[in-house]
């Protein structure tokens, strides 16, 4: 079955600020930024005390977005 639609793609990166800079040079704009921690993330990752920061990037006028974690 062929892919009919993609909402977003997620990438894990080592340095979030450098990745934001790189993708900004490619024309993507920051759409949002958030941090996650707590019981839900611990359960999802099977880790205790997990924390992460995420950034959503996208092209102007396009629904597809790139999530950097």
N, C-alpha and C. Protein backbone atom coordinates (compact mmCIF):
# COMPACT_ATOMS: atom_id res chain seq x y z
N UNK A 1 0.85 -1.18 0.00
CA UNK A 1 0.00 0.00 0.00
C UNK A 1 0.90 1.24 0.00
N UNK A 2 0.71 2.16 -0.93
CA UNK A 2 1.54 3.36 -0.99
C UNK A 2 1.18 4.35 0.12
N UNK A 3 2.16 5.14 0.52
CA UNK A 3 1.91 6.21 1.50
C UNK A 3 1.09 7.30 0.83
N UNK A 4 0.00 7.71 1.48
CA UNK A 4 -0.88 8.72 0.91
C UNK A 4 -0.68 10.10 1.53
N UNK A 5 -0.14 10.11 2.76
CA UNK A 5 0.01 11.40 3.43
C UNK A 5 1.01 11.26 4.57
N UNK A 6 1.75 12.33 4.84
CA UNK A 6 2.67 12.38 5.97
C UNK A 6 2.40 13.67 6.72
N UNK A 7 2.22 13.56 8.04
CA UNK A 7 2.01 14.74 8.86
C UNK A 7 3.32 15.34 9.35
N UNK A 8 4.17 14.44 9.87
CA UNK A 8 5.46 14.93 10.34
C UNK A 8 6.49 13.81 10.38
N UNK A 9 7.74 14.24 10.40
CA UNK A 9 8.89 13.33 10.50
C UNK A 9 9.66 13.76 11.73
N UNK A 10 10.10 12.79 12.52
CA UNK A 10 10.83 13.08 13.74
C UNK A 10 12.27 12.59 13.62
N UNK A 11 13.21 13.44 14.03
CA UNK A 11 14.63 13.10 14.02
C UNK A 11 15.21 13.33 15.41
N UNK A 12 15.98 12.39 15.90
CA UNK A 12 16.74 12.59 17.13
C UNK A 12 18.08 13.20 16.75
N UNK A 13 18.44 14.29 17.43
CA UNK A 13 19.68 14.99 17.12
C UNK A 13 20.53 15.11 18.38
N UNK A 14 21.83 15.26 18.19
CA UNK A 14 22.76 15.40 19.32
C UNK A 14 22.76 16.83 19.83
N UNK A 15 22.75 17.80 18.92
CA UNK A 15 22.79 19.21 19.31
C UNK A 15 21.60 19.92 18.68
N UNK A 16 20.61 20.22 19.50
CA UNK A 16 19.36 20.80 19.00
C UNK A 16 19.58 22.16 18.35
N UNK A 17 20.38 23.02 18.95
CA UNK A 17 20.60 24.37 18.39
C UNK A 17 21.30 24.30 17.03
N UNK A 18 22.29 23.43 16.89
CA UNK A 18 22.96 23.28 15.59
C UNK A 18 22.01 22.73 14.53
N UNK A 19 21.15 21.79 14.92
CA UNK A 19 20.18 21.24 13.98
C UNK A 19 19.16 22.29 13.55
N UNK A 20 18.70 23.11 14.49
CA UNK A 20 17.77 24.20 14.15
C UNK A 20 18.44 25.14 13.16
N UNK A 21 19.68 25.49 13.42
CA UNK A 21 20.41 26.40 12.52
C UNK A 21 20.52 25.79 11.12
N UNK A 22 20.91 24.52 11.04
CA UNK A 22 21.06 23.85 9.74
C UNK A 22 19.75 23.86 8.95
N UNK A 23 18.66 23.44 9.59
CA UNK A 23 17.40 23.37 8.87
C UNK A 23 16.82 24.75 8.57
N UNK A 24 17.18 25.75 9.37
CA UNK A 24 16.78 27.13 9.06
C UNK A 24 17.45 27.60 7.77
N UNK A 25 18.71 27.20 7.59
CA UNK A 25 19.41 27.54 6.34
C UNK A 25 18.76 26.89 5.13
N UNK A 26 18.04 25.79 5.36
CA UNK A 26 17.33 25.09 4.28
C UNK A 26 15.95 25.69 4.03
N UNK A 27 15.57 26.72 4.81
CA UNK A 27 14.30 27.40 4.59
C UNK A 27 13.19 27.03 5.57
N UNK A 28 13.46 26.13 6.51
CA UNK A 28 12.43 25.76 7.49
C UNK A 28 12.38 26.80 8.61
N UNK A 29 11.19 27.02 9.14
CA UNK A 29 10.98 27.98 10.23
C UNK A 29 10.51 27.24 11.48
N UNK A 30 10.90 27.75 12.64
CA UNK A 30 10.45 27.18 13.90
C UNK A 30 8.97 27.46 14.08
N UNK A 31 8.19 26.41 14.30
CA UNK A 31 6.74 26.53 14.53
C UNK A 31 6.39 26.36 16.00
N UNK A 32 7.26 25.71 16.75
CA UNK A 32 6.98 25.50 18.17
C UNK A 32 8.17 24.83 18.84
N UNK A 33 8.18 24.94 20.16
CA UNK A 33 9.26 24.36 20.96
C UNK A 33 8.68 23.95 22.30
N UNK A 34 9.05 22.77 22.79
CA UNK A 34 8.51 22.30 24.07
C UNK A 34 9.47 21.33 24.73
N UNK A 35 9.27 21.14 26.01
CA UNK A 35 10.04 20.16 26.78
C UNK A 35 9.08 19.11 27.30
N UNK A 36 9.60 17.91 27.46
CA UNK A 36 8.80 16.83 28.03
C UNK A 36 9.59 16.17 29.15
N UNK A 37 8.89 15.89 30.24
CA UNK A 37 9.45 15.11 31.33
C UNK A 37 8.29 14.64 32.18
N UNK A 38 8.56 13.69 33.02
CA UNK A 38 7.52 13.22 33.91
C UNK A 38 7.11 11.78 33.64
N UNK A 39 6.05 11.39 34.28
CA UNK A 39 5.60 10.01 34.29
C UNK A 39 5.28 9.46 32.89
N UNK A 40 4.60 10.26 32.06
CA UNK A 40 4.25 9.79 30.72
C UNK A 40 5.51 9.47 29.91
N UNK A 41 6.47 10.38 29.88
CA UNK A 41 7.70 10.15 29.13
C UNK A 41 8.47 8.97 29.71
N UNK A 42 8.53 8.87 31.02
CA UNK A 42 9.19 7.73 31.66
C UNK A 42 8.57 6.42 31.19
N UNK A 43 7.24 6.38 31.14
CA UNK A 43 6.54 5.16 30.70
C UNK A 43 6.80 4.87 29.23
N UNK A 44 6.76 5.91 28.39
CA UNK A 44 6.99 5.72 26.96
C UNK A 44 8.39 5.18 26.66
N UNK A 45 9.37 5.64 27.43
CA UNK A 45 10.76 5.26 27.17
C UNK A 45 11.26 4.13 28.07
N UNK A 46 10.43 3.73 29.02
CA UNK A 46 10.84 2.73 30.02
C UNK A 46 12.10 3.17 30.76
N UNK A 47 12.15 4.47 31.06
CA UNK A 47 13.26 5.07 31.81
C UNK A 47 12.68 5.90 32.96
N UNK A 48 13.45 6.06 33.99
CA UNK A 48 13.00 6.90 35.11
C UNK A 48 13.76 8.22 35.07
N UNK A 49 13.03 9.32 35.18
CA UNK A 49 13.65 10.65 35.18
C UNK A 49 14.06 11.15 33.81
N UNK A 50 13.43 10.64 32.75
CA UNK A 50 13.77 11.06 31.39
C UNK A 50 13.30 12.49 31.14
N UNK A 51 14.09 13.24 30.37
CA UNK A 51 13.74 14.60 29.96
C UNK A 51 14.17 14.79 28.51
N UNK A 52 13.40 15.55 27.75
CA UNK A 52 13.76 15.84 26.36
C UNK A 52 13.23 17.21 25.96
N UNK A 53 13.81 17.77 24.93
CA UNK A 53 13.36 19.03 24.37
C UNK A 53 13.10 18.80 22.89
N UNK A 54 12.04 19.38 22.37
CA UNK A 54 11.64 19.17 20.98
C UNK A 54 11.39 20.51 20.30
N UNK A 55 11.60 20.53 19.00
CA UNK A 55 11.33 21.71 18.18
C UNK A 55 10.61 21.25 16.92
N UNK A 56 9.56 21.97 16.55
CA UNK A 56 8.83 21.71 15.31
C UNK A 56 9.26 22.75 14.28
N UNK A 57 9.63 22.27 13.09
CA UNK A 57 10.05 23.14 11.99
C UNK A 57 9.19 22.84 10.77
N UNK A 58 8.98 23.83 9.94
CA UNK A 58 8.22 23.61 8.73
C UNK A 58 8.49 24.67 7.69
N UNK A 59 8.10 24.36 6.47
CA UNK A 59 8.17 25.34 5.38
C UNK A 59 6.92 26.21 5.43
N UNK A 60 7.06 27.49 5.16
CA UNK A 60 5.89 28.37 5.17
C UNK A 60 4.81 27.86 4.21
N UNK A 61 3.59 27.78 4.70
CA UNK A 61 2.46 27.38 3.89
C UNK A 61 2.32 25.89 3.64
N UNK A 62 3.19 25.08 4.20
CA UNK A 62 3.14 23.63 4.01
C UNK A 62 2.71 22.94 5.30
N UNK A 63 1.85 21.93 5.23
CA UNK A 63 1.38 21.25 6.44
C UNK A 63 2.39 20.29 7.04
N UNK A 64 3.32 19.75 6.24
CA UNK A 64 4.31 18.80 6.74
C UNK A 64 5.29 19.52 7.67
N UNK A 65 5.58 18.88 8.80
CA UNK A 65 6.55 19.48 9.71
C UNK A 65 7.58 18.46 10.16
N UNK A 66 8.75 18.99 10.52
CA UNK A 66 9.88 18.20 10.97
C UNK A 66 10.03 18.43 12.46
N UNK A 67 10.07 17.34 13.22
CA UNK A 67 10.23 17.42 14.67
C UNK A 67 11.65 17.00 15.03
N UNK A 68 12.39 17.91 15.67
CA UNK A 68 13.73 17.60 16.14
C UNK A 68 13.64 17.31 17.64
N UNK A 69 14.21 16.20 18.05
CA UNK A 69 14.18 15.79 19.47
C UNK A 69 15.60 15.69 19.97
